[in-house]
Amino acid sequence: MGQYLQMGICYRLEVDKKRLDKLEVTLEGLINELNKHLDITLYEINETHEEVIFEIKETVALEQMQEFMQYQYSMCPQEQWDTDCFESASEMMGELSSLKELVELAEEGRFPCFQSNIITDEVKVSAWDLLRVEFSMLVFFIEGKIYMEGYGAFLKYIENNIRESSKKWKIAGTFKCFID
């Protein structure tokens, strides 16, 4: 079947509170572990009876998304079709006034270079325990299909490179890269 390499901004994380309790992980412990993967200071944290939800701060998304994405698009190999897609998606982002509108634009699927996806991954919370985390992504790069396994270190390298080379934008702290 195969999987796709997907890179983008993680705008929302959801964690099951029952699983947290079962693993005896506190909210502080969860935040510490997630901070190893993302800059959690860029997220607002909310709790329901069932979940802990981390959502990117709207100010971060609105102030930085368009410029950050333009920079990332400039790093991608480009044919005319890609350039047109990148420019159109970037233009539309500049016209939006809320995180909700940004997510809706990605969910519409109008632009192959700007889509939405939800990926479930695991975060190590102790020597023996993994915690499932649902990552909601604004995906700006999709490449596939990927048939081989074992890309974890390579993907982490990509994440670290993007974060390091993009220090101008705090939003880079929310960048994730998955094969799903």
C-alpha atoms as a PDB file:
ATOM      1  CA  MET A   1       0.000   0.000   0.000  1.00  0.00           C
ATOM      2  CA  GLY A   2       2.598   2.615   0.990  1.00  0.00           C
ATOM      3  CA  GLN A   3       2.629   5.769   2.994  1.00  0.00           C
ATOM      4  CA  TYR A   4       3.251   9.428   2.234  1.00  0.00           C
ATOM      5  CA  LEU A   5       5.931  11.745   3.548  1.00  0.00           C
ATOM      6  CA  GLN A   6       4.068  14.735   5.002  1.00  0.00           C
ATOM      7  CA  MET A   7       5.544  17.929   6.415  1.00  0.00           C
ATOM      8  CA  GLY A   8       3.750  20.850   7.939  1.00  0.00           C
ATOM      9  CA  ILE A   9       2.631  22.805  10.945  1.00  0.00           C
ATOM     10  CA  CYS A  10       1.075  20.921  13.823  1.00  0.00           C
ATOM     11  CA  TYR A  11      -1.784  23.187  14.843  1.00  0.00           C
ATOM     12  CA  ARG A  12      -3.515  20.866  17.315  1.00  0.00           C
ATOM     13  CA  LEU A  13      -2.612  17.902  19.526  1.00  0.00           C
ATOM     14  CA  GLU A  14      -5.092  15.729  21.416  1.00  0.00           C
ATOM     15  CA  VAL A  15      -4.239  13.334  24.231  1.00  0.00           C
ATOM     16  CA  ASP A  16      -6.667  10.922  25.923  1.00  0.00           C
ATOM     17  CA  LYS A  17      -6.904  11.712  29.652  1.00  0.00           C
ATOM     18  CA  LYS A  18      -7.804   8.108  30.563  1.00  0.00           C
ATOM     19  CA  ARG A  19      -4.544   6.925  29.022  1.00  0.00           C
ATOM     20  CA  LEU A  20      -2.640   9.683  30.838  1.00  0.00           C
ATOM     21  CA  ASP A  21      -4.153   8.559  34.130  1.00  0.00           C
ATOM     22  CA  LYS A  22      -3.454   4.893  33.387  1.00  0.00           C
ATOM     23  CA  LEU A  23       0.210   5.699  32.725  1.00  0.00           C
ATOM     24  CA  GLU A  24       0.263   8.001  35.772  1.00  0.00           C
ATOM     25  CA  VAL A  25       1.487  10.923  33.680  1.00  0.00           C
ATOM     26  CA  THR A  26       0.722  14.405  34.986  1.00  0.00           C
ATOM     27  CA  LEU A  27      -0.071  17.367  32.766  1.00  0.00           C
ATOM     28  CA  GLU A  28       3.344  18.792  33.662  1.00  0.00           C
ATOM     29  CA  GLY A  29       5.006  15.503  32.692  1.00  0.00           C
ATOM     30  CA  LEU A  30       3.094  15.444  29.405  1.00  0.00           C
ATOM     31  CA  ILE A  31       4.155  19.009  28.626  1.00  0.00           C
ATOM     32  CA  ASN A  32       7.795  18.153  29.383  1.00  0.00           C
ATOM     33  CA  GLU A  33       7.696  15.165  27.011  1.00  0.00           C
ATOM     34  CA  LEU A  34       5.889  17.048  24.244  1.00  0.00           C
ATOM     35  CA  ASN A  35       8.418  19.882  24.556  1.00  0.00           C
ATOM     36  CA  LYS A  36      11.024  17.402  23.312  1.00  0.00           C
ATOM     37  CA  HIS A  37       9.104  17.262  20.022  1.00  0.00           C
ATOM     38  CA  LEU A  38       7.469  20.693  19.677  1.00  0.00           C
ATOM     39  CA  ASP A  39       7.700  24.130  21.270  1.00  0.00           C
ATOM     40  CA  ILE A  40       4.675  23.826  23.558  1.00  0.00           C
ATOM     41  CA  THR A  41       4.899  27.513  24.554  1.00  0.00           C
ATOM     42  CA  LEU A  42       3.352  28.216  21.140  1.00  0.00           C
ATOM     43  CA  TYR A  43       0.169  26.371  22.115  1.00  0.00           C
ATOM     44  CA  GLU A  44      -2.822  27.110  24.320  1.00  0.00           C
ATOM     45  CA  ILE A  45      -3.684  24.181  26.577  1.00  0.00           C
ATOM     46  CA  ASN A  46      -7.294  23.220  27.277  1.00  0.00           C
ATOM     47  CA  GLU A  47      -8.819  20.242  29.041  1.00  0.00           C
ATOM     48  CA  THR A  48     -12.141  18.492  28.622  1.00  0.00           C
ATOM     49  CA  HIS A  49     -13.327  15.480  30.614  1.00  0.00           C
ATOM     50  CA  GLU A  50     -11.858  13.190  27.943  1.00  0.00           C
ATOM     51  CA  GLU A  51      -8.844  15.002  26.492  1.00  0.00           C
ATOM     52  CA  VAL A  52      -6.010  17.429  26.907  1.00  0.00           C
ATOM     53  CA  ILE A  53      -5.927  19.660  23.835  1.00  0.00           C
ATOM     54  CA  PHE A  54      -3.012  21.791  22.668  1.00  0.00           C
ATOM     55  CA  GLU A  55      -3.919  24.318  19.973  1.00  0.00           C
ATOM     56  CA  ILE A  56      -1.491  26.696  18.310  1.00  0.00           C
ATOM     57  CA  LYS A  57      -1.946  30.261  19.504  1.00  0.00           C
ATOM     58  CA  GLU A  58      -3.963  32.115  16.916  1.00  0.00           C
ATOM     59  CA  THR A  59      -1.616  35.108  16.995  1.00  0.00           C
ATOM     60  CA  VAL A  60       1.347  32.865  16.128  1.00  0.00           C
ATOM     61  CA  ALA A  61      -0.518  31.232  13.248  1.00  0.00           C
ATOM     62  CA  LEU A  62      -1.872  34.455  11.780  1.00  0.00           C
ATOM     63  CA  GLU A  63       1.267  36.544  12.202  1.00  0.00           C
ATOM     64  CA  GLN A  64       3.752  33.977  10.914  1.00  0.00           C
ATOM     65  CA  MET A  65       2.077  31.318   8.784  1.00  0.00           C
ATOM     66  CA  GLN A  66       2.083  33.117   5.440  1.00  0.00           C
ATOM     67  CA  GLU A  67       5.706  34.313   5.560  1.00  0.00           C
ATOM     68  CA  PHE A  68       6.936  30.992   6.994  1.00  0.00           C
ATOM     69  CA  MET A  69       5.109  29.032   4.295  1.00  0.00           C
ATOM     70  CA  GLN A  70       6.447  31.290   1.533  1.00  0.00           C
ATOM     71  CA  TYR A  71       9.960  30.610   2.782  1.00  0.00           C
ATOM     72  CA  GLN A  72       9.344  26.844   2.995  1.00  0.00           C
ATOM     73  CA  TYR A  73       7.774  26.816  -0.472  1.00  0.00           C
ATOM     74  CA  SER A  74      10.877  28.561  -1.824  1.00  0.00           C
ATOM     75  CA  MET A  75      12.964  25.612  -0.587  1.00  0.00           C
ATOM     76  CA  CYS A  76      10.912  23.042  -2.530  1.00  0.00           C
ATOM     77  CA  PRO A  77      11.886  21.934  -6.039  1.00  0.00           C
ATOM     78  CA  GLN A  78       9.554  23.884  -8.283  1.00  0.00           C
ATOM     79  CA  GLU A  79       7.931  23.442 -11.619  1.00  0.00           C
ATOM     80  CA  GLN A  80       5.474  26.040 -12.921  1.00  0.00           C
ATOM     81  CA  TRP A  81       2.508  24.059 -11.558  1.00  0.00           C
ATOM     82  CA  ASP A  82       4.080  24.052  -8.084  1.00  0.00           C
ATOM     83  CA  THR A  83       4.908  27.756  -8.210  1.00  0.00           C
ATOM     84  CA  ASP A  84       1.330  28.641  -9.163  1.00  0.00           C
ATOM     85  CA  CYS A  85      -0.043  26.474  -6.354  1.00  0.00           C
ATOM     86  CA  PHE A  86       2.345  27.961  -3.782  1.00  0.00           C
ATOM     87  CA  GLU A  87       1.558  31.536  -4.827  1.00  0.00           C
ATOM     88  CA  SER A  88      -2.212  30.981  -4.828  1.00  0.00           C
ATOM     89  CA  ALA A  89      -2.216  29.238  -1.451  1.00  0.00           C
ATOM     90  CA  SER A  90       0.016  31.912   0.065  1.00  0.00           C
ATOM     91  CA  GLU A  91      -2.206  34.682  -1.311  1.00  0.00           C
ATOM     92  CA  MET A  92      -5.291  33.059   0.211  1.00  0.00           C
ATOM     93  CA  MET A  93      -3.541  32.675   3.585  1.00  0.00           C
ATOM     94  CA  GLY A  94      -2.885  36.416   3.614  1.00  0.00           C
ATOM     95  CA  GLU A  95      -6.612  37.122   3.291  1.00  0.00           C
ATOM     96  CA  LEU A  96      -7.624  35.064   6.329  1.00  0.00           C
ATOM     97  CA  SER A  97      -8.369  36.498   9.759  1.00  0.00           C
ATOM     98  CA  SER A  98      -8.602  33.464  12.049  1.00  0.00           C
ATOM     99  CA  LEU A  99      -7.034  30.082  12.742  1.00  0.00           C
ATOM    100  CA  LYS A 100     -10.416  28.523  12.006  1.00  0.00           C
ATOM    101  CA  GLU A 101     -10.394  30.014   8.488  1.00  0.00           C
ATOM    102  CA  LEU A 102      -6.830  28.791   7.955  1.00  0.00           C
ATOM    103  CA  VAL A 103      -7.801  25.241   8.948  1.00  0.00           C
ATOM    104  CA  GLU A 104     -10.928  25.388   6.769  1.00  0.00           C
ATOM    105  CA  LEU A 105      -8.818  26.455   3.777  1.00  0.00           C
ATOM    106  CA  ALA A 106      -6.540  23.447   4.292  1.00  0.00           C
ATOM    107  CA  GLU A 107      -9.506  21.096   4.811  1.00  0.00           C
ATOM    108  CA  GLU A 108     -11.131  22.244   1.550  1.00  0.00           C
ATOM    109  CA  GLY A 109      -8.284  20.564  -0.308  1.00  0.00           C
ATOM    110  CA  ARG A 110      -8.302  23.312  -2.918  1.00  0.00           C
ATOM    111  CA  PHE A 111      -4.495  23.428  -2.984  1.00  0.00           C
ATOM    112  CA  PRO A 112      -2.368  20.268  -3.240  1.00  0.00           C
ATOM    113  CA  CYS A 113       0.400  22.280  -1.552  1.00  0.00           C
ATOM    114  CA  PHE A 114      -1.742  23.155   1.492  1.00  0.00           C
ATOM    115  CA  GLN A 115      -3.882  20.416   3.009  1.00  0.00           C
ATOM    116  CA  SER A 116      -5.085  19.149   6.354  1.00  0.00           C
ATOM    117  CA  ASN A 117      -4.409  15.754   7.886  1.00  0.00           C
ATOM    118  CA  ILE A 118      -4.665  14.050  11.253  1.00  0.00           C
ATOM    119  CA  ILE A 119      -1.883  11.668  12.197  1.00  0.00           C
ATOM    120  CA  THR A 120      -1.716   9.467  15.270  1.00  0.00           C
ATOM    121  CA  ASP A 121       1.773   8.939  16.620  1.00  0.00           C
ATOM    122  CA  GLU A 122       3.312   7.838  19.903  1.00  0.00           C
ATOM    123  CA  VAL A 123       5.374   9.858  22.359  1.00  0.00           C
ATOM    124  CA  LYS A 124       7.609   8.100  24.868  1.00  0.00           C
ATOM    125  CA  VAL A 125       6.563   9.176  28.385  1.00  0.00           C
ATOM    126  CA  SER A 126       8.692   6.791  30.441  1.00  0.00           C
ATOM    127  CA  ALA A 127      11.285   4.080  29.933  1.00  0.00           C
ATOM    128  CA  TRP A 128       8.564   1.577  29.026  1.00  0.00           C
ATOM    129  CA  ASP A 129       5.452   3.563  28.147  1.00  0.00           C
ATOM    130  CA  LEU A 130       4.279   5.219  24.960  1.00  0.00           C
ATOM    131  CA  LEU A 131       1.372   7.637  24.772  1.00  0.00           C
ATOM    132  CA  ARG A 132      -0.755   8.028  21.656  1.00  0.00           C
ATOM    133  CA  VAL A 133      -1.045  11.614  20.471  1.00  0.00           C
ATOM    134  CA  GLU A 134      -3.293  12.822  17.672  1.00  0.00           C
ATOM    135  CA  PHE A 135      -1.520  15.497  15.615  1.00  0.00           C
ATOM    136  CA  SER A 136      -3.682  17.751  13.418  1.00  0.00           C
ATOM    137  CA  MET A 137      -1.509  19.145  10.668  1.00  0.00           C
ATOM    138  CA  LEU A 138      -1.526  21.923   8.101  1.00  0.00           C
ATOM    139  CA  VAL A 139       0.502  20.044   5.507  1.00  0.00           C
ATOM    140  CA  PHE A 140       2.553  22.000   2.969  1.00  0.00           C
ATOM    141  CA  PHE A 141       4.588  19.143   1.494  1.00  0.00           C
ATOM    142  CA  ILE A 142       3.384  15.674   0.519  1.00  0.00           C
ATOM    143  CA  GLU A 143       5.545  13.179  -1.301  1.00  0.00           C
ATOM    144  CA  GLY A 144       4.772   9.544  -1.791  1.00  0.00           C
ATOM    145  CA  LYS A 145       4.395   6.787  -1.777  1.00  0.00           C
ATOM    146  CA  ILE A 146       7.003   5.662   0.710  1.00  0.00           C
ATOM    147  CA  TYR A 147       7.389   1.884   0.845  1.00  0.00           C
ATOM    148  CA  MET A 148      10.257   1.407   3.284  1.00  0.00           C
ATOM    149  CA  GLU A 149      10.215   1.645   7.053  1.00  0.00           C
ATOM    150  CA  GLY A 150      12.832   3.082   9.374  1.00  0.00           C
ATOM    151  CA  TYR A 151      12.843   6.754   8.445  1.00  0.00           C
ATOM    152  CA  GLY A 152      12.475   8.059  12.039  1.00  0.00           C
ATOM    153  CA  ALA A 153      15.994   9.486  12.356  1.00  0.00           C
ATOM    154  CA  PHE A 154      15.823  11.034   8.874  1.00  0.00           C
ATOM    155  CA  LEU A 155      12.496  12.711   9.635  1.00  0.00           C
ATOM    156  CA  LYS A 156      13.842  14.069  12.925  1.00  0.00           C
ATOM    157  CA  TYR A 157      16.801  15.453  10.959  1.00  0.00           C
ATOM    158  CA  ILE A 158      14.392  17.261   8.613  1.00  0.00           C
ATOM    159  CA  GLU A 159      12.408  18.634  11.578  1.00  0.00           C
ATOM    160  CA  ASN A 160      15.553  19.895  13.297  1.00  0.00           C
ATOM    161  CA  ASN A 161      16.846  21.439  10.053  1.00  0.00           C
ATOM    162  CA  ILE A 162      13.622  23.340   9.433  1.00  0.00           C
ATOM    163  CA  ARG A 163      13.447  24.555  13.021  1.00  0.00           C
ATOM    164  CA  GLU A 164      17.105  25.599  13.068  1.00  0.00           C
ATOM    165  CA  SER A 165      17.058  27.318   9.684  1.00  0.00           C
ATOM    166  CA  SER A 166      13.762  29.055  10.453  1.00  0.00           C
ATOM    167  CA  LYS A 167      14.498  30.671  13.816  1.00  0.00           C
ATOM    168  CA  LYS A 168      13.147  33.928  12.409  1.00  0.00           C
ATOM    169  CA  TRP A 169       9.665  32.430  12.833  1.00  0.00           C
ATOM    170  CA  LYS A 170       8.547  31.056  16.192  1.00  0.00           C
ATOM    171  CA  ILE A 171       5.950  29.025  14.307  1.00  0.00           C
ATOM    172  CA  ALA A 172       8.831  26.786  13.149  1.00  0.00           C
ATOM    173  CA  GLY A 173       8.677  25.316  16.663  1.00  0.00           C
ATOM    174  CA  THR A 174       5.403  23.651  15.657  1.00  0.00           C
ATOM    175  CA  PHE A 175       6.830  21.923  12.572  1.00  0.00           C
ATOM    176  CA  LYS A 176       6.451  18.112  12.308  1.00  0.00           C
ATOM    177  CA  CYS A 177       7.275  15.598   9.621  1.00  0.00           C
ATOM    178  CA  PHE A 178       5.545  12.201   9.313  1.00  0.00           C
ATOM    179  CA  ILE A 179       5.184   9.243   7.017  1.00  0.00           C
ATOM    180  CA  ASP A 180       1.545   8.198   7.128  1.00  0.00           C
END
